[in-house]
Amino acid sequence: FVYRQRYNKLYNHRTTKFHPEEYMERYHPWKLTEERMKRLDFVGFEWKIMTGQQRQYNRLWEQRFAELKEYAAKNGNCNVPQSTKLGRWVKAQREAKKETERRAALLADPNCPLAKRHKCTIRLSDERIKRLEALGFAWSRRNEMPKWDARFEQLVEYK
């Protein structure tokens, strides 16, 4: 009955200015206040609701990370052959980091018209990047930059 009354009130005032914030404060006093949100943040409340697909992706990521950790302990590096599932996962992490950096660069430029439309399907969080780097993960398959830098220095010395 109360719901019907509120609905009728809203319906009758649909032509006047309607402020959803006022409606929420008046009829939903349980709405989280700023103070309550801070308290939840303090105890580590997870605000993001994960779908089943996201949970499955996270489980797979953790599984592959554990495999990579084992591989690195055994071989002394993270250069996994790409013919294996783990190798394909390693390649996907490199691509995900590049895509994450590309997206960050786009969003950093406020004048870029693509920034609003660009959707990054693959992202790699800072936490995961740090975890991979702690294993000695090489973001470039071949460490070409140090070779290039060394050759450049030789060129400068020659001239």
N, C-alpha and C. Protein backbone atom coordinates (compact mmCIF):
# COMPACT_ATOMS: atom_id res chain seq x y z
N PHE A 1 0.82 -1.20 0.00
CA PHE A 1 0.00 0.00 0.00
C PHE A 1 0.86 1.26 0.00
N VAL A 2 1.89 1.29 0.85
CA VAL A 2 2.78 2.45 0.93
C VAL A 2 3.51 2.64 -0.40
N TYR A 3 3.94 1.52 -0.99
CA TYR A 3 4.64 1.60 -2.27
C TYR A 3 3.72 2.23 -3.32
N ARG A 4 2.47 1.82 -3.35
CA ARG A 4 1.51 2.34 -4.35
C ARG A 4 1.32 3.84 -4.15
N GLN A 5 1.25 4.29 -2.91
CA GLN A 5 1.09 5.72 -2.63
C GLN A 5 2.30 6.50 -3.16
N ARG A 6 3.48 5.99 -2.91
CA ARG A 6 4.69 6.67 -3.38
C ARG A 6 4.75 6.68 -4.90
N TYR A 7 4.35 5.57 -5.50
CA TYR A 7 4.34 5.50 -6.95
C TYR A 7 3.37 6.53 -7.51
N ASN A 8 2.20 6.61 -6.97
CA ASN A 8 1.20 7.58 -7.43
C ASN A 8 1.70 9.00 -7.27
N LYS A 9 2.36 9.25 -6.14
CA LYS A 9 2.91 10.59 -5.91
C LYS A 9 3.94 10.94 -6.99
N LEU A 10 4.82 10.00 -7.28
CA LEU A 10 5.82 10.23 -8.33
C LEU A 10 5.15 10.38 -9.69
N TYR A 11 4.19 9.54 -9.97
CA TYR A 11 3.51 9.58 -11.26
C TYR A 11 2.80 10.91 -11.45
N ASN A 12 2.16 11.41 -10.41
CA ASN A 12 1.43 12.67 -10.50
C ASN A 12 2.36 13.87 -10.65
N HIS A 13 3.58 13.73 -10.18
CA HIS A 13 4.52 14.85 -10.26
C HIS A 13 5.56 14.67 -11.36
N ARG A 14 5.26 13.83 -12.31
CA ARG A 14 6.25 13.55 -13.36
C ARG A 14 6.55 14.75 -14.24
N THR A 15 5.64 15.70 -14.31
CA THR A 15 5.90 16.88 -15.14
C THR A 15 6.70 17.93 -14.40
N THR A 16 6.75 17.84 -13.08
CA THR A 16 7.55 18.80 -12.31
C THR A 16 8.97 18.29 -12.22
N LYS A 17 9.84 19.11 -11.67
CA LYS A 17 11.22 18.68 -11.52
C LYS A 17 11.30 17.55 -10.51
N PHE A 18 11.96 16.49 -10.91
CA PHE A 18 12.12 15.33 -10.03
C PHE A 18 13.60 15.17 -9.72
N HIS A 19 13.93 15.07 -8.46
CA HIS A 19 15.31 14.91 -8.04
C HIS A 19 15.48 13.55 -7.39
N PRO A 20 16.11 12.60 -8.09
CA PRO A 20 16.26 11.26 -7.54
C PRO A 20 17.00 11.23 -6.21
N GLU A 21 17.95 12.18 -6.01
CA GLU A 21 18.69 12.19 -4.74
C GLU A 21 17.75 12.48 -3.58
N GLU A 22 16.83 13.43 -3.79
CA GLU A 22 15.86 13.76 -2.73
C GLU A 22 14.96 12.56 -2.46
N TYR A 23 14.56 11.89 -3.51
CA TYR A 23 13.71 10.70 -3.36
C TYR A 23 14.44 9.63 -2.57
N MET A 24 15.70 9.39 -2.90
CA MET A 24 16.48 8.37 -2.21
C MET A 24 16.65 8.72 -0.74
N GLU A 25 16.94 9.98 -0.44
CA GLU A 25 17.13 10.38 0.95
C GLU A 25 15.84 10.27 1.75
N ARG A 26 14.74 10.60 1.11
CA ARG A 26 13.46 10.60 1.82
C ARG A 26 12.89 9.20 1.99
N TYR A 27 12.92 8.40 0.95
CA TYR A 27 12.25 7.11 1.00
C TYR A 27 13.20 5.92 1.17
N HIS A 28 14.49 6.18 1.14
CA HIS A 28 15.48 5.11 1.34
C HIS A 28 16.51 5.57 2.36
N PRO A 29 16.10 5.65 3.63
CA PRO A 29 17.04 6.15 4.64
C PRO A 29 18.22 5.20 4.87
N TRP A 30 18.13 3.98 4.38
CA TRP A 30 19.21 3.01 4.54
C TRP A 30 20.35 3.26 3.57
N LYS A 31 20.21 4.25 2.71
CA LYS A 31 21.26 4.57 1.75
C LYS A 31 22.58 4.81 2.49
N LEU A 32 23.65 4.28 1.93
CA LEU A 32 24.95 4.41 2.57
C LEU A 32 25.41 5.86 2.60
N THR A 33 25.80 6.28 3.78
CA THR A 33 26.35 7.63 3.90
C THR A 33 27.84 7.57 3.59
N GLU A 34 28.42 8.72 3.41
CA GLU A 34 29.85 8.83 3.12
C GLU A 34 30.66 8.22 4.27
N GLU A 35 30.23 8.48 5.47
CA GLU A 35 30.93 7.97 6.66
C GLU A 35 30.89 6.45 6.69
N ARG A 36 29.75 5.86 6.37
CA ARG A 36 29.62 4.40 6.37
C ARG A 36 30.46 3.77 5.26
N MET A 37 30.53 4.43 4.12
CA MET A 37 31.36 3.92 3.03
C MET A 37 32.83 3.93 3.44
N LYS A 38 33.27 4.98 4.13
CA LYS A 38 34.65 5.05 4.59
C LYS A 38 34.95 3.93 5.59
N ARG A 39 33.99 3.65 6.45
CA ARG A 39 34.18 2.57 7.42
C ARG A 39 34.30 1.22 6.72
N LEU A 40 33.48 1.02 5.69
CA LEU A 40 33.56 -0.23 4.93
C LEU A 40 34.89 -0.32 4.18
N ASP A 41 35.34 0.80 3.62
CA ASP A 41 36.65 0.83 2.95
C ASP A 41 37.76 0.46 3.93
N PHE A 42 37.65 0.96 5.15
CA PHE A 42 38.67 0.73 6.17
C PHE A 42 38.84 -0.76 6.47
N VAL A 43 37.74 -1.51 6.46
CA VAL A 43 37.84 -2.95 6.76
C VAL A 43 38.09 -3.78 5.51
N GLY A 44 38.31 -3.11 4.35
CA GLY A 44 38.66 -3.83 3.12
C GLY A 44 37.47 -4.36 2.36
N PHE A 45 36.34 -3.71 2.46
CA PHE A 45 35.14 -4.15 1.75
C PHE A 45 35.38 -4.09 0.24
N GLU A 46 35.00 -5.17 -0.46
CA GLU A 46 35.18 -5.25 -1.92
C GLU A 46 33.91 -4.70 -2.58
N TRP A 47 34.02 -3.55 -3.24
CA TRP A 47 32.86 -2.89 -3.83
C TRP A 47 32.47 -3.49 -5.17
N LYS A 48 33.40 -4.05 -5.85
CA LYS A 48 33.12 -4.56 -7.19
C LYS A 48 32.47 -5.94 -7.10
N ILE A 49 31.35 -6.09 -7.75
CA ILE A 49 30.68 -7.38 -7.81
C ILE A 49 31.21 -8.12 -9.03
N MET A 50 31.69 -9.32 -8.79
CA MET A 50 32.29 -10.09 -9.88
C MET A 50 31.28 -11.06 -10.48
N THR A 51 31.32 -11.16 -11.77
CA THR A 51 30.48 -12.14 -12.45
C THR A 51 31.17 -13.50 -12.40
N GLY A 52 30.45 -14.54 -12.76
CA GLY A 52 31.03 -15.87 -12.79
C GLY A 52 32.21 -15.95 -13.73
N GLN A 53 32.11 -15.24 -14.86
CA GLN A 53 33.20 -15.24 -15.85
C GLN A 53 34.45 -14.58 -15.27
N GLN A 54 34.26 -13.48 -14.51
CA GLN A 54 35.41 -12.80 -13.90
C GLN A 54 36.07 -13.68 -12.85
N ARG A 55 35.25 -14.36 -12.05
CA ARG A 55 35.81 -15.26 -11.03
C ARG A 55 36.60 -16.38 -11.69
N GLN A 56 36.06 -16.92 -12.78
CA GLN A 56 36.75 -17.99 -13.51
C GLN A 56 38.06 -17.48 -14.08
N TYR A 57 38.07 -16.25 -14.64
CA TYR A 57 39.29 -15.66 -15.17
C TYR A 57 40.33 -15.49 -14.06
N ASN A 58 39.89 -15.01 -12.89
CA ASN A 58 40.81 -14.82 -11.78
C ASN A 58 41.39 -16.14 -11.29
N ARG A 59 40.56 -17.18 -11.22
CA ARG A 59 41.06 -18.49 -10.82
C ARG A 59 42.10 -19.00 -11.81
N LEU A 60 41.82 -18.85 -13.11
CA LEU A 60 42.76 -19.28 -14.14
C LEU A 60 44.06 -18.47 -14.06
N TRP A 61 43.93 -17.17 -13.83
CA TRP A 61 45.11 -16.32 -13.73
C TRP A 61 45.99 -16.79 -12.58
N GLU A 62 45.38 -17.04 -11.42
CA GLU A 62 46.14 -17.49 -10.26
C GLU A 62 46.77 -18.86 -10.51
N GLN A 63 46.06 -19.73 -11.20
CA GLN A 63 46.59 -21.06 -11.53
C GLN A 63 47.82 -20.93 -12.42
N ARG A 64 47.70 -20.14 -13.49
CA ARG A 64 48.82 -19.95 -14.41
C ARG A 64 49.99 -19.24 -13.72
N PHE A 65 49.68 -18.30 -12.84
CA PHE A 65 50.74 -17.60 -12.12
C PHE A 65 51.52 -18.60 -11.25
N ALA A 66 50.82 -19.50 -10.59
CA ALA A 66 51.48 -20.52 -9.77
C ALA A 66 52.36 -21.42 -10.65
N GLU A 67 51.86 -21.75 -11.85
CA GLU A 67 52.65 -22.56 -12.78
C GLU A 67 53.91 -21.80 -13.22
N LEU A 68 53.75 -20.51 -13.47
CA LEU A 68 54.90 -19.69 -13.88
C LEU A 68 55.92 -19.59 -12.75
N LYS A 69 55.44 -19.47 -11.54
CA LYS A 69 56.32 -19.39 -10.38
C LYS A 69 57.14 -20.69 -10.26
N GLU A 70 56.47 -21.80 -10.47
CA GLU A 70 57.13 -23.10 -10.44
C GLU A 70 58.16 -23.21 -11.56
N TYR A 71 57.77 -22.75 -12.76
CA TYR A 71 58.67 -22.79 -13.93
C TYR A 71 59.91 -21.92 -13.66
N ALA A 72 59.68 -20.73 -13.10
CA ALA A 72 60.80 -19.81 -12.84
C ALA A 72 61.75 -20.38 -11.80
N ALA A 73 61.21 -21.06 -10.79
CA ALA A 73 62.06 -21.66 -9.77
C ALA A 73 62.91 -22.79 -10.36
N LYS A 74 62.32 -23.52 -11.29
CA LYS A 74 63.01 -24.65 -11.90
C LYS A 74 64.04 -24.21 -12.94
N ASN A 75 63.68 -23.19 -13.78
CA ASN A 75 64.51 -22.80 -14.91
C ASN A 75 65.30 -21.50 -14.71
N GLY A 76 64.97 -20.75 -13.69
CA GLY A 76 65.71 -19.52 -13.42
C GLY A 76 65.26 -18.33 -14.26
N ASN A 77 64.20 -18.50 -15.05
CA ASN A 77 63.66 -17.39 -15.84
C ASN A 77 62.18 -17.65 -16.13
N CYS A 78 61.54 -16.67 -16.74
CA CYS A 78 60.12 -16.78 -17.09
C CYS A 78 59.91 -16.89 -18.60
N ASN A 79 60.94 -17.28 -19.32
CA ASN A 79 60.86 -17.40 -20.78
C ASN A 79 60.31 -18.77 -21.16
N VAL A 80 59.01 -18.90 -21.06
CA VAL A 80 58.33 -20.16 -21.31
C VAL A 80 58.13 -20.34 -22.82
N PRO A 81 58.36 -21.54 -23.36
CA PRO A 81 58.09 -21.77 -24.78
C PRO A 81 56.62 -21.50 -25.11
N GLN A 82 56.38 -20.81 -26.20
CA GLN A 82 55.01 -20.42 -26.54
C GLN A 82 54.16 -21.57 -27.06
N SER A 83 54.74 -22.73 -27.20
CA SER A 83 53.98 -23.88 -27.69
C SER A 83 53.14 -24.51 -26.58
N THR A 84 53.31 -24.06 -25.34
CA THR A 84 52.56 -24.61 -24.21
C THR A 84 51.44 -23.66 -23.79
N LYS A 85 50.51 -24.17 -22.98
CA LYS A 85 49.44 -23.32 -22.47
C LYS A 85 50.01 -22.18 -21.63
N LEU A 86 51.01 -22.52 -20.82
CA LEU A 86 51.64 -21.50 -19.99
C LEU A 86 52.33 -20.45 -20.85
N GLY A 87 52.97 -20.87 -21.93
CA GLY A 87 53.63 -19.94 -22.84
C GLY A 87 52.65 -18.99 -23.50
N ARG A 88 51.50 -19.52 -23.88
CA ARG A 88 50.47 -18.65 -24.49
C ARG A 88 49.92 -17.67 -23.45
N TRP A 89 49.82 -18.12 -22.19
CA TRP A 89 49.35 -17.24 -21.12
C TRP A 89 50.37 -16.11 -20.89
N VAL A 90 51.66 -16.47 -20.90
CA VAL A 90 52.72 -15.47 -20.72
C VAL A 90 52.64 -14.42 -21.83
N LYS A 91 52.45 -14.89 -23.06
CA LYS A 91 52.31 -13.96 -24.20
C LYS A 91 51.10 -13.05 -24.00
N ALA A 92 50.00 -13.62 -23.51
CA ALA A 92 48.78 -12.83 -23.27
C ALA A 92 49.02 -11.76 -22.20
N GLN A 93 49.86 -12.06 -21.20
CA GLN A 93 50.17 -11.06 -20.16
C GLN A 93 50.96 -9.90 -20.74
N ARG A 94 51.88 -10.21 -21.64
CA ARG A 94 52.65 -9.14 -22.29
C ARG A 94 51.73 -8.25 -23.12
N GLU A 95 50.82 -8.88 -23.85
CA GLU A 95 49.87 -8.12 -24.67
C GLU A 95 48.92 -7.31 -23.80
N ALA A 96 48.51 -7.89 -22.69
CA ALA A 96 47.60 -7.18 -21.78
C ALA A 96 48.27 -5.94 -21.20
N LYS A 97 49.55 -6.05 -20.88
CA LYS A 97 50.26 -4.87 -20.34
C LYS A 97 50.38 -3.78 -21.40
N LYS A 98 50.69 -4.18 -22.63
CA LYS A 98 50.76 -3.19 -23.72
C LYS A 98 49.41 -2.50 -23.91
N GLU A 99 48.34 -3.28 -23.89
CA GLU A 99 47.00 -2.72 -24.07
C GLU A 99 46.63 -1.80 -22.91
N THR A 100 47.00 -2.18 -21.71
CA THR A 100 46.74 -1.34 -20.53
C THR A 100 47.48 -0.02 -20.65
N GLU A 101 48.73 -0.07 -21.09
CA GLU A 101 49.52 1.16 -21.26
C GLU A 101 48.95 2.02 -22.39
N ARG A 102 48.50 1.39 -23.46
CA ARG A 102 47.91 2.12 -24.58
C ARG A 102 46.64 2.84 -24.13
N ARG A 103 45.83 2.16 -23.34
CA ARG A 103 44.60 2.76 -22.84
C ARG A 103 44.92 3.93 -21.91
N ALA A 104 45.91 3.76 -21.04
CA ALA A 104 46.29 4.84 -20.12
C ALA A 104 46.75 6.07 -20.90
N ALA A 105 47.49 5.84 -21.98
CA ALA A 105 47.97 6.97 -22.80
C ALA A 105 46.79 7.67 -23.48
N LEU A 106 45.83 6.90 -23.96
CA LEU A 106 44.66 7.50 -24.59
C LEU A 106 43.85 8.33 -23.60
N LEU A 107 43.64 7.78 -22.42
CA LEU A 107 42.84 8.48 -21.42
C LEU A 107 43.55 9.69 -20.85
N ALA A 108 44.88 9.71 -20.95
CA ALA A 108 45.64 10.84 -20.44
C ALA A 108 45.47 12.08 -21.32
N ASP A 109 45.14 11.88 -22.59
CA ASP A 109 44.97 13.00 -23.52
C ASP A 109 43.49 13.39 -23.58
N PRO A 110 43.11 14.51 -22.95
CA PRO A 110 41.69 14.89 -22.93
C PRO A 110 41.16 15.30 -24.30
N ASN A 111 42.03 15.65 -25.23
CA ASN A 111 41.58 16.08 -26.56
C ASN A 111 41.41 14.94 -27.55
N CYS A 112 41.81 13.76 -27.15
CA CYS A 112 41.75 12.62 -28.06
C CYS A 112 40.30 12.12 -28.17
N PRO A 113 39.71 12.18 -29.37
CA PRO A 113 38.32 11.73 -29.51
C PRO A 113 38.17 10.23 -29.31
N LEU A 114 39.24 9.48 -29.50
CA LEU A 114 39.16 8.03 -29.32
C LEU A 114 39.15 7.62 -27.86
N ALA A 115 39.60 8.52 -26.98
CA ALA A 115 39.71 8.17 -25.57
C ALA A 115 38.38 7.73 -24.98
N LYS A 116 37.31 8.38 -25.39
CA LYS A 116 35.99 8.05 -24.84
C LYS A 116 35.47 6.74 -25.41
N ARG A 117 35.82 6.45 -26.65
CA ARG A 117 35.29 5.25 -27.30
C ARG A 117 36.16 4.02 -27.10
N HIS A 118 37.42 4.23 -26.76
CA HIS A 118 38.35 3.11 -26.66
C HIS A 118 38.02 2.26 -25.45
N LYS A 119 37.72 1.00 -25.68
CA LYS A 119 37.45 0.09 -24.59
C LYS A 119 38.52 -0.98 -24.58
N CYS A 120 39.16 -1.07 -23.47
CA CYS A 120 40.23 -2.05 -23.30
C CYS A 120 39.62 -3.35 -22.80
N THR A 121 39.69 -4.38 -23.62
CA THR A 121 39.09 -5.64 -23.22
C THR A 121 40.01 -6.42 -22.30
N ILE A 122 41.30 -6.22 -22.44
CA ILE A 122 42.26 -6.94 -21.61
C ILE A 122 43.00 -5.90 -20.77
N ARG A 123 42.95 -6.09 -19.47
CA ARG A 123 43.66 -5.17 -18.58
C ARG A 123 44.50 -5.96 -17.61
N LEU A 124 45.57 -5.37 -17.21
CA LEU A 124 46.45 -6.00 -16.24
C LEU A 124 46.65 -5.02 -15.10
N SER A 125 46.23 -5.40 -13.91
CA SER A 125 46.29 -4.49 -12.76
C SER A 125 47.74 -4.26 -12.34
N ASP A 126 47.95 -3.14 -11.64
CA ASP A 126 49.29 -2.82 -11.13
C ASP A 126 49.77 -3.91 -10.18
N GLU A 127 48.86 -4.45 -9.40
CA GLU A 127 49.22 -5.51 -8.44
C GLU A 127 49.74 -6.73 -9.18
N ARG A 128 49.08 -7.12 -10.27
CA ARG A 128 49.52 -8.29 -11.03
C ARG A 128 50.83 -8.01 -11.75
N ILE A 129 51.00 -6.80 -12.24
CA ILE A 129 52.27 -6.44 -12.88
C ILE A 129 53.41 -6.58 -11.88
N LYS A 130 53.20 -6.09 -10.66
CA LYS A 130 54.24 -6.19 -9.62
C LYS A 130 54.53 -7.65 -9.27
N ARG A 131 53.50 -8.46 -9.20
CA ARG A 131 53.70 -9.88 -8.89
C ARG A 131 54.52 -10.58 -9.97
N LEU A 132 54.22 -10.25 -11.23
CA LEU A 132 54.98 -10.85 -12.33
C LEU A 132 56.43 -10.37 -12.32
N GLU A 133 56.61 -9.08 -12.09
CA GLU A 133 57.97 -8.53 -12.06
C GLU A 133 58.78 -9.10 -10.91
N ALA A 134 58.13 -9.44 -9.80
CA ALA A 134 58.83 -10.04 -8.66
C ALA A 134 59.43 -11.40 -9.03
N LEU A 135 58.83 -12.06 -10.03
CA LEU A 135 59.37 -13.34 -10.51
C LEU A 135 60.50 -13.15 -11.51
N GLY A 136 60.73 -11.91 -11.93
CA GLY A 136 61.74 -11.65 -12.96
C GLY A 136 61.14 -11.73 -14.36
N PHE A 137 59.86 -11.44 -14.47
CA PHE A 137 59.15 -11.50 -15.74
C PHE A 137 59.69 -10.46 -16.71
N ALA A 138 60.01 -10.87 -17.93
CA ALA A 138 60.51 -9.95 -18.97
C ALA A 138 59.33 -9.53 -19.83
N TRP A 139 59.07 -8.24 -19.89
CA TRP A 139 57.92 -7.75 -20.65
C TRP A 139 58.17 -7.79 -22.15
N SER A 140 59.43 -7.78 -22.52
CA SER A 140 59.79 -7.92 -23.92
C SER A 140 60.35 -9.33 -24.10
N ARG A 141 59.92 -9.99 -25.14
CA ARG A 141 60.37 -11.37 -25.36
C ARG A 141 61.87 -11.41 -25.58
N ARG A 142 62.32 -10.49 -26.32
CA ARG A 142 63.77 -10.35 -26.53
C ARG A 142 64.18 -9.02 -25.93
N ASN A 143 65.19 -9.04 -25.15
CA ASN A 143 65.65 -7.80 -24.54
C ASN A 143 66.45 -7.00 -25.56
N GLU A 144 65.73 -6.40 -26.50
CA GLU A 144 66.38 -5.67 -27.58
C GLU A 144 66.84 -4.29 -27.15
N MET A 145 66.14 -3.67 -26.23
CA MET A 145 66.49 -2.31 -25.85
C MET A 145 67.89 -2.20 -25.24
N PRO A 146 68.27 -3.08 -24.30
CA PRO A 146 69.64 -2.95 -23.79
C PRO A 146 70.68 -3.10 -24.90
N LYS A 147 70.44 -4.00 -25.85
CA LYS A 147 71.37 -4.16 -26.96
C LYS A 147 71.41 -2.89 -27.80
N TRP A 148 70.25 -2.31 -28.07
CA TRP A 148 70.18 -1.10 -28.86
C TRP A 148 70.91 0.03 -28.14
N ASP A 149 70.68 0.17 -26.83
CA ASP A 149 71.34 1.21 -26.05
C ASP A 149 72.86 1.04 -26.08
N ALA A 150 73.29 -0.20 -25.95
CA ALA A 150 74.75 -0.46 -25.97
C ALA A 150 75.34 -0.09 -27.32
N ARG A 151 74.64 -0.45 -28.38
CA ARG A 151 75.12 -0.11 -29.73
C ARG A 151 75.11 1.40 -29.95
N PHE A 152 74.10 2.08 -29.42
CA PHE A 152 74.03 3.53 -29.56
C PHE A 152 75.21 4.18 -28.85
N GLU A 153 75.54 3.70 -27.67
CA GLU A 153 76.69 4.24 -26.94
C GLU A 153 77.99 4.02 -27.72
N GLN A 154 78.10 2.87 -28.36
CA GLN A 154 79.28 2.60 -29.19
C GLN A 154 79.33 3.56 -30.36
N LEU A 155 78.20 3.87 -30.94
CA LEU A 155 78.15 4.83 -32.05
C LEU A 155 78.58 6.21 -31.58
N VAL A 156 78.11 6.63 -30.41
CA VAL A 156 78.48 7.93 -29.88
C VAL A 156 79.98 7.99 -29.62
N GLU A 157 80.54 6.93 -29.05
CA GLU A 157 81.98 6.89 -28.79
C GLU A 157 82.78 6.93 -30.09
N TYR A 158 82.29 6.28 -31.13
CA TYR A 158 82.98 6.24 -32.41
C TYR A 158 83.05 7.62 -33.02
N LYS A 159 81.97 8.38 -32.93
CA LYS A 159 81.96 9.72 -33.51
C LYS A 159 82.73 10.62 -32.63
